[in-house]
C-alpha cells in the first residue's frame, strides 16, 4: 500500500510540474521577478518621518552631534567639512532625495520638520561623524532607516557629508 501511495504522489507531482512548465516560461518568470525587484528598489525614495525627539543635552552648536536639528542624522556633519548645518561645502552638490525627521528645538519648544540631505561629489569628509537613531527602525525596513546613501540623481554618487535643513514646523495633532 505504501508503494502505491508513493507512486500516486510521484505521478501527481510530475503532472503538476509539467503543467506549470507548459503554462509558464523562464522569461515571463524572470520578467515578473524584475518588476518586483525594481518596484521594491523605489521604496527607499519615499520621505518618511524618522524621529520626533530632542537630543539629551541638545546644544546650539552645529558642529556637535547633540545639535537639536540632528535628531535623525547619520553621516559626517557638513558644518565640520567646509559647509554649514544647512548648506553643502564648495565643490559638492546637494542630493534632492532625502530622509526626513521631526526634531524639537529646545530654545522655542517647537517641533520642526528637518530634511536630511547628503552632499555629494567629493570623497567622504571623515570629520564629525554622527549616527543619531532617535526613532530609527531596523534595517529590515530600509524605507525607515537612515543608513542609506542618498546621493542618487547627482552628477556623482560619491558621498561627502550631510546637512539638516528646516522644511517647516510640525503641527501637533489635535
C-alpha atoms as a PDB file:
ATOM      1  CA  UNK A   1       0.000   0.000   0.000  1.00  0.00           C
ATOM      2  CA  UNK A   2       2.779   2.406   0.823  1.00  0.00           C
ATOM      3  CA  UNK A   3       4.297   1.698  -2.614  1.00  0.00           C
ATOM      4  CA  UNK A   4       1.118   2.749  -4.406  1.00  0.00           C
ATOM      5  CA  UNK A   5       0.746   5.905  -2.275  1.00  0.00           C
ATOM      6  CA  UNK A   6       4.321   6.875  -3.133  1.00  0.00           C
ATOM      7  CA  UNK A   7       3.629   6.222  -6.813  1.00  0.00           C
ATOM      8  CA  UNK A   8       0.448   8.299  -6.662  1.00  0.00           C
ATOM      9  CA  UNK A   9       2.323  11.236  -5.087  1.00  0.00           C
ATOM     10  CA  UNK A  10       5.094  10.897  -7.695  1.00  0.00           C
ATOM     11  CA  UNK A  11       2.598  10.935 -10.587  1.00  0.00           C
ATOM     12  CA  UNK A  12       0.690  13.873  -9.126  1.00  0.00           C
ATOM     13  CA  UNK A  13       3.917  15.869  -8.570  1.00  0.00           C
ATOM     14  CA  UNK A  14       5.111  15.073 -12.108  1.00  0.00           C
ATOM     15  CA  UNK A  15       1.786  16.188 -13.646  1.00  0.00           C
ATOM     16  CA  UNK A  16       1.816  19.404 -11.597  1.00  0.00           C
ATOM     17  CA  UNK A  17       5.428  20.228 -12.550  1.00  0.00           C
ATOM     18  CA  UNK A  18       4.722  19.593 -16.264  1.00  0.00           C
ATOM     19  CA  UNK A  19       1.555  21.704 -16.113  1.00  0.00           C
ATOM     20  CA  UNK A  20       3.466  24.622 -14.594  1.00  0.00           C
ATOM     21  CA  UNK A  21       6.260  24.211 -17.172  1.00  0.00           C
ATOM     22  CA  UNK A  22       3.765  24.279 -20.075  1.00  0.00           C
ATOM     23  CA  UNK A  23       1.900  27.341 -18.782  1.00  0.00           C
ATOM     24  CA  UNK A  24       4.891  29.499 -17.830  1.00  0.00           C
ATOM     25  CA  UNK A  25       8.205  30.486 -19.359  1.00  0.00           C
ATOM     26  CA  UNK A  26      11.553  31.369 -17.833  1.00  0.00           C
ATOM     27  CA  UNK A  27      11.415  34.802 -19.456  1.00  0.00           C
ATOM     28  CA  UNK A  28       7.970  35.512 -18.025  1.00  0.00           C
ATOM     29  CA  UNK A  29       9.072  34.380 -14.586  1.00  0.00           C
ATOM     30  CA  UNK A  30      12.266  36.481 -14.747  1.00  0.00           C
ATOM     31  CA  UNK A  31      10.241  39.449 -16.001  1.00  0.00           C
ATOM     32  CA  UNK A  32       7.880  39.242 -13.023  1.00  0.00           C
ATOM     33  CA  UNK A  33      10.811  38.950 -10.631  1.00  0.00           C
ATOM     34  CA  UNK A  34      12.404  42.013 -12.311  1.00  0.00           C
ATOM     35  CA  UNK A  35       9.239  44.065 -11.810  1.00  0.00           C
ATOM     36  CA  UNK A  36       9.118  43.126  -8.121  1.00  0.00           C
ATOM     37  CA  UNK A  37      12.805  43.986  -7.605  1.00  0.00           C
ATOM     38  CA  UNK A  38      12.510  47.299  -9.481  1.00  0.00           C
ATOM     39  CA  UNK A  39       9.395  48.249  -7.520  1.00  0.00           C
ATOM     40  CA  UNK A  40      10.994  47.357  -4.203  1.00  0.00           C
ATOM     41  CA  UNK A  41      14.076  49.437  -5.026  1.00  0.00           C
ATOM     42  CA  UNK A  42      11.965  52.618  -5.223  1.00  0.00           C
ATOM     43  CA  UNK A  43      10.691  52.287  -1.635  1.00  0.00           C
ATOM     44  CA  UNK A  44      13.766  53.979  -0.072  1.00  0.00           C
ATOM     45  CA  UNK A  45      12.971  57.096  -2.138  1.00  0.00           C
ATOM     46  CA  UNK A  46       9.831  57.822  -0.137  1.00  0.00           C
ATOM     47  CA  UNK A  47      10.158  60.516   2.522  1.00  0.00           C
ATOM     48  CA  UNK A  48       9.496  59.090   5.966  1.00  0.00           C
ATOM     49  CA  UNK A  49       9.242  60.762   9.358  1.00  0.00           C
ATOM     50  CA  UNK A  50      12.243  59.384  11.186  1.00  0.00           C
ATOM     51  CA  UNK A  51      12.010  60.805  14.675  1.00  0.00           C
ATOM     52  CA  UNK A  52      10.346  63.286  16.928  1.00  0.00           C
ATOM     53  CA  UNK A  53      12.833  63.852  19.652  1.00  0.00           C
ATOM     54  CA  UNK A  54      15.062  66.264  21.406  1.00  0.00           C
ATOM     55  CA  UNK A  55      18.651  65.240  21.950  1.00  0.00           C
ATOM     56  CA  UNK A  56      19.594  64.733  25.568  1.00  0.00           C
ATOM     57  CA  UNK A  57      21.713  67.797  26.333  1.00  0.00           C
ATOM     58  CA  UNK A  58      20.770  69.397  22.986  1.00  0.00           C
ATOM     59  CA  UNK A  59      23.004  72.303  22.009  1.00  0.00           C
ATOM     60  CA  UNK A  60      23.017  75.181  19.538  1.00  0.00           C
ATOM     61  CA  UNK A  61      26.453  74.170  18.210  1.00  0.00           C
ATOM     62  CA  UNK A  62      26.039  72.727  14.682  1.00  0.00           C
ATOM     63  CA  UNK A  63      29.490  71.086  14.855  1.00  0.00           C
ATOM     64  CA  UNK A  64      28.358  68.607  17.543  1.00  0.00           C
ATOM     65  CA  UNK A  65      26.107  65.563  17.238  1.00  0.00           C
ATOM     66  CA  UNK A  66      23.916  66.935  20.037  1.00  0.00           C
ATOM     67  CA  UNK A  67      22.763  69.909  17.914  1.00  0.00           C
ATOM     68  CA  UNK A  68      18.962  69.821  18.070  1.00  0.00           C
ATOM     69  CA  UNK A  69      18.474  69.533  14.277  1.00  0.00           C
ATOM     70  CA  UNK A  70      20.497  66.311  14.138  1.00  0.00           C
ATOM     71  CA  UNK A  71      17.943  64.074  15.921  1.00  0.00           C
ATOM     72  CA  UNK A  72      17.813  61.615  12.968  1.00  0.00           C
ATOM     73  CA  UNK A  73      21.108  62.266  11.162  1.00  0.00           C
ATOM     74  CA  UNK A  74      23.552  59.577  10.075  1.00  0.00           C
ATOM     75  CA  UNK A  75      26.789  60.720   8.466  1.00  0.00           C
ATOM     76  CA  UNK A  76      29.516  63.330   8.604  1.00  0.00           C
ATOM     77  CA  UNK A  77      28.419  66.864   9.513  1.00  0.00           C
ATOM     78  CA  UNK A  78      28.883  69.371   6.689  1.00  0.00           C
ATOM     79  CA  UNK A  79      29.359  72.050   9.366  1.00  0.00           C
ATOM     80  CA  UNK A  80      32.732  70.379  10.105  1.00  0.00           C
ATOM     81  CA  UNK A  81      33.616  69.906   6.432  1.00  0.00           C
ATOM     82  CA  UNK A  82      33.531  73.444   4.993  1.00  0.00           C
ATOM     83  CA  UNK A  83      29.751  73.831   4.755  1.00  0.00           C
ATOM     84  CA  UNK A  84      27.129  74.591   7.381  1.00  0.00           C
ATOM     85  CA  UNK A  85      24.241  72.816   9.063  1.00  0.00           C
ATOM     86  CA  UNK A  86      22.071  73.652   6.020  1.00  0.00           C
ATOM     87  CA  UNK A  87      24.484  74.135   3.078  1.00  0.00           C
ATOM     88  CA  UNK A  88      26.998  71.883   1.329  1.00  0.00           C
ATOM     89  CA  UNK A  89      30.748  72.547   1.201  1.00  0.00           C
ATOM     90  CA  UNK A  90      32.147  74.090  -2.008  1.00  0.00           C
ATOM     91  CA  UNK A  91      32.647  71.529  -4.767  1.00  0.00           C
ATOM     92  CA  UNK A  92      29.782  69.308  -3.621  1.00  0.00           C
ATOM     93  CA  UNK A  93      26.189  69.013  -4.766  1.00  0.00           C
ATOM     94  CA  UNK A  94      23.132  68.574  -2.530  1.00  0.00           C
ATOM     95  CA  UNK A  95      21.068  65.475  -3.272  1.00  0.00           C
ATOM     96  CA  UNK A  96      17.393  66.213  -3.876  1.00  0.00           C
ATOM     97  CA  UNK A  97      16.448  62.805  -2.463  1.00  0.00           C
ATOM     98  CA  UNK A  98      16.292  62.989   1.340  1.00  0.00           C
ATOM     99  CA  UNK A  99      15.097  61.408   4.518  1.00  0.00           C
ATOM    100  CA  UNK A 100      13.001  63.420   6.949  1.00  0.00           C
ATOM    101  CA  UNK A 101      12.855  63.733  10.721  1.00  0.00           C
ATOM    102  CA  UNK A 102      10.927  65.804  13.231  1.00  0.00           C
ATOM    103  CA  UNK A 103      13.066  67.408  15.938  1.00  0.00           C
ATOM    104  CA  UNK A 104      12.202  69.632  18.902  1.00  0.00           C
ATOM    105  CA  UNK A 105      14.066  72.933  19.228  1.00  0.00           C
ATOM    106  CA  UNK A 106      14.726  73.395  22.961  1.00  0.00           C
ATOM    107  CA  UNK A 107      15.024  77.172  22.524  1.00  0.00           C
ATOM    108  CA  UNK A 108      11.375  77.690  21.489  1.00  0.00           C
ATOM    109  CA  UNK A 109       9.846  74.281  22.345  1.00  0.00           C
ATOM    110  CA  UNK A 110       8.541  73.827  18.763  1.00  0.00           C
ATOM    111  CA  UNK A 111       8.836  70.726  16.588  1.00  0.00           C
ATOM    112  CA  UNK A 112      10.373  71.244  13.165  1.00  0.00           C
ATOM    113  CA  UNK A 113      10.383  69.034  10.068  1.00  0.00           C
ATOM    114  CA  UNK A 114      14.017  68.520   9.108  1.00  0.00           C
ATOM    115  CA  UNK A 115      15.188  67.409   5.662  1.00  0.00           C
ATOM    116  CA  UNK A 116      18.469  65.498   5.827  1.00  0.00           C
ATOM    117  CA  UNK A 117      20.307  65.879   2.523  1.00  0.00           C
ATOM    118  CA  UNK A 118      23.569  64.213   1.568  1.00  0.00           C
ATOM    119  CA  UNK A 119      26.175  66.397  -0.134  1.00  0.00           C
ATOM    120  CA  UNK A 120      27.835  64.532  -2.979  1.00  0.00           C
ATOM    121  CA  UNK A 121      30.741  64.983  -5.365  1.00  0.00           C
ATOM    122  CA  UNK A 122      33.802  64.544  -3.159  1.00  0.00           C
ATOM    123  CA  UNK A 123      35.028  61.629  -1.085  1.00  0.00           C
ATOM    124  CA  UNK A 124      33.773  61.347   2.492  1.00  0.00           C
ATOM    125  CA  UNK A 125      34.860  64.176   4.793  1.00  0.00           C
ATOM    126  CA  UNK A 126      35.511  61.775   7.717  1.00  0.00           C
ATOM    127  CA  UNK A 127      35.091  64.547  10.326  1.00  0.00           C
ATOM    128  CA  UNK A 128      32.331  64.886  12.930  1.00  0.00           C
ATOM    129  CA  UNK A 129      30.660  61.562  12.233  1.00  0.00           C
ATOM    130  CA  UNK A 130      27.215  61.299  13.845  1.00  0.00           C
ATOM    131  CA  UNK A 131      24.779  58.423  13.986  1.00  0.00           C
ATOM    132  CA  UNK A 132      21.652  59.580  15.772  1.00  0.00           C
ATOM    133  CA  UNK A 133      18.994  56.907  15.700  1.00  0.00           C
ATOM    134  CA  UNK A 134      16.152  58.659  17.525  1.00  0.00           C
ATOM    135  CA  UNK A 135      13.064  56.870  16.152  1.00  0.00           C
ATOM    136  CA  UNK A 136      15.051  54.865  13.592  1.00  0.00           C
ATOM    137  CA  UNK A 137      13.932  51.330  12.758  1.00  0.00           C
ATOM    138  CA  UNK A 138      15.988  48.216  12.000  1.00  0.00           C
ATOM    139  CA  UNK A 139      17.474  47.899   8.527  1.00  0.00           C
ATOM    140  CA  UNK A 140      14.986  45.199   7.567  1.00  0.00           C
ATOM    141  CA  UNK A 141      12.710  48.176   6.834  1.00  0.00           C
ATOM    142  CA  UNK A 142      15.017  50.187   4.538  1.00  0.00           C
ATOM    143  CA  UNK A 143      12.482  52.956   3.920  1.00  0.00           C
ATOM    144  CA  UNK A 144      12.620  53.829   7.612  1.00  0.00           C
ATOM    145  CA  UNK A 145      16.369  53.505   8.120  1.00  0.00           C
ATOM    146  CA  UNK A 146      18.811  56.406   7.895  1.00  0.00           C
ATOM    147  CA  UNK A 147      21.680  54.121   6.843  1.00  0.00           C
ATOM    148  CA  UNK A 148      21.086  54.533   3.101  1.00  0.00           C
ATOM    149  CA  UNK A 149      23.441  56.586   0.913  1.00  0.00           C
ATOM    150  CA  UNK A 150      21.170  59.186  -0.725  1.00  0.00           C
ATOM    151  CA  UNK A 151      23.497  60.513  -3.490  1.00  0.00           C
ATOM    152  CA  UNK A 152      21.071  59.495  -6.218  1.00  0.00           C
ATOM    153  CA  UNK A 153      20.260  61.928  -9.017  1.00  0.00           C
ATOM    154  CA  UNK A 154      23.513  63.839  -8.588  1.00  0.00           C
ATOM    155  CA  UNK A 155      26.418  64.053 -11.046  1.00  0.00           C
ATOM    156  CA  UNK A 156      28.465  61.697  -8.911  1.00  0.00           C
ATOM    157  CA  UNK A 157      27.348  59.298  -6.208  1.00  0.00           C
ATOM    158  CA  UNK A 158      30.394  59.954  -4.043  1.00  0.00           C
ATOM    159  CA  UNK A 159      29.172  60.841  -0.527  1.00  0.00           C
ATOM    160  CA  UNK A 160      30.874  63.734   1.333  1.00  0.00           C
ATOM    161  CA  UNK A 161      28.694  64.865   4.278  1.00  0.00           C
ATOM    162  CA  UNK A 162      25.105  65.549   5.403  1.00  0.00           C
ATOM    163  CA  UNK A 163      23.093  68.690   6.191  1.00  0.00           C
ATOM    164  CA  UNK A 164      19.917  69.262   8.218  1.00  0.00           C
ATOM    165  CA  UNK A 165      17.614  71.824   6.577  1.00  0.00           C
ATOM    166  CA  UNK A 166      14.459  73.078   8.297  1.00  0.00           C
ATOM    167  CA  UNK A 167      11.500  72.457   5.977  1.00  0.00           C
ATOM    168  CA  UNK A 168       8.767  73.810   8.243  1.00  0.00           C
ATOM    169  CA  UNK A 169       7.061  73.462  11.592  1.00  0.00           C
ATOM    170  CA  UNK A 170       5.373  70.271  12.636  1.00  0.00           C
ATOM    171  CA  UNK A 171       1.885  70.896  13.966  1.00  0.00           C
ATOM    172  CA  UNK A 172       0.853  68.855  16.962  1.00  0.00           C
ATOM    173  CA  UNK A 173      -2.161  66.629  16.310  1.00  0.00           C
ATOM    174  CA  UNK A 174      -5.303  67.969  17.771  1.00  0.00           C
END
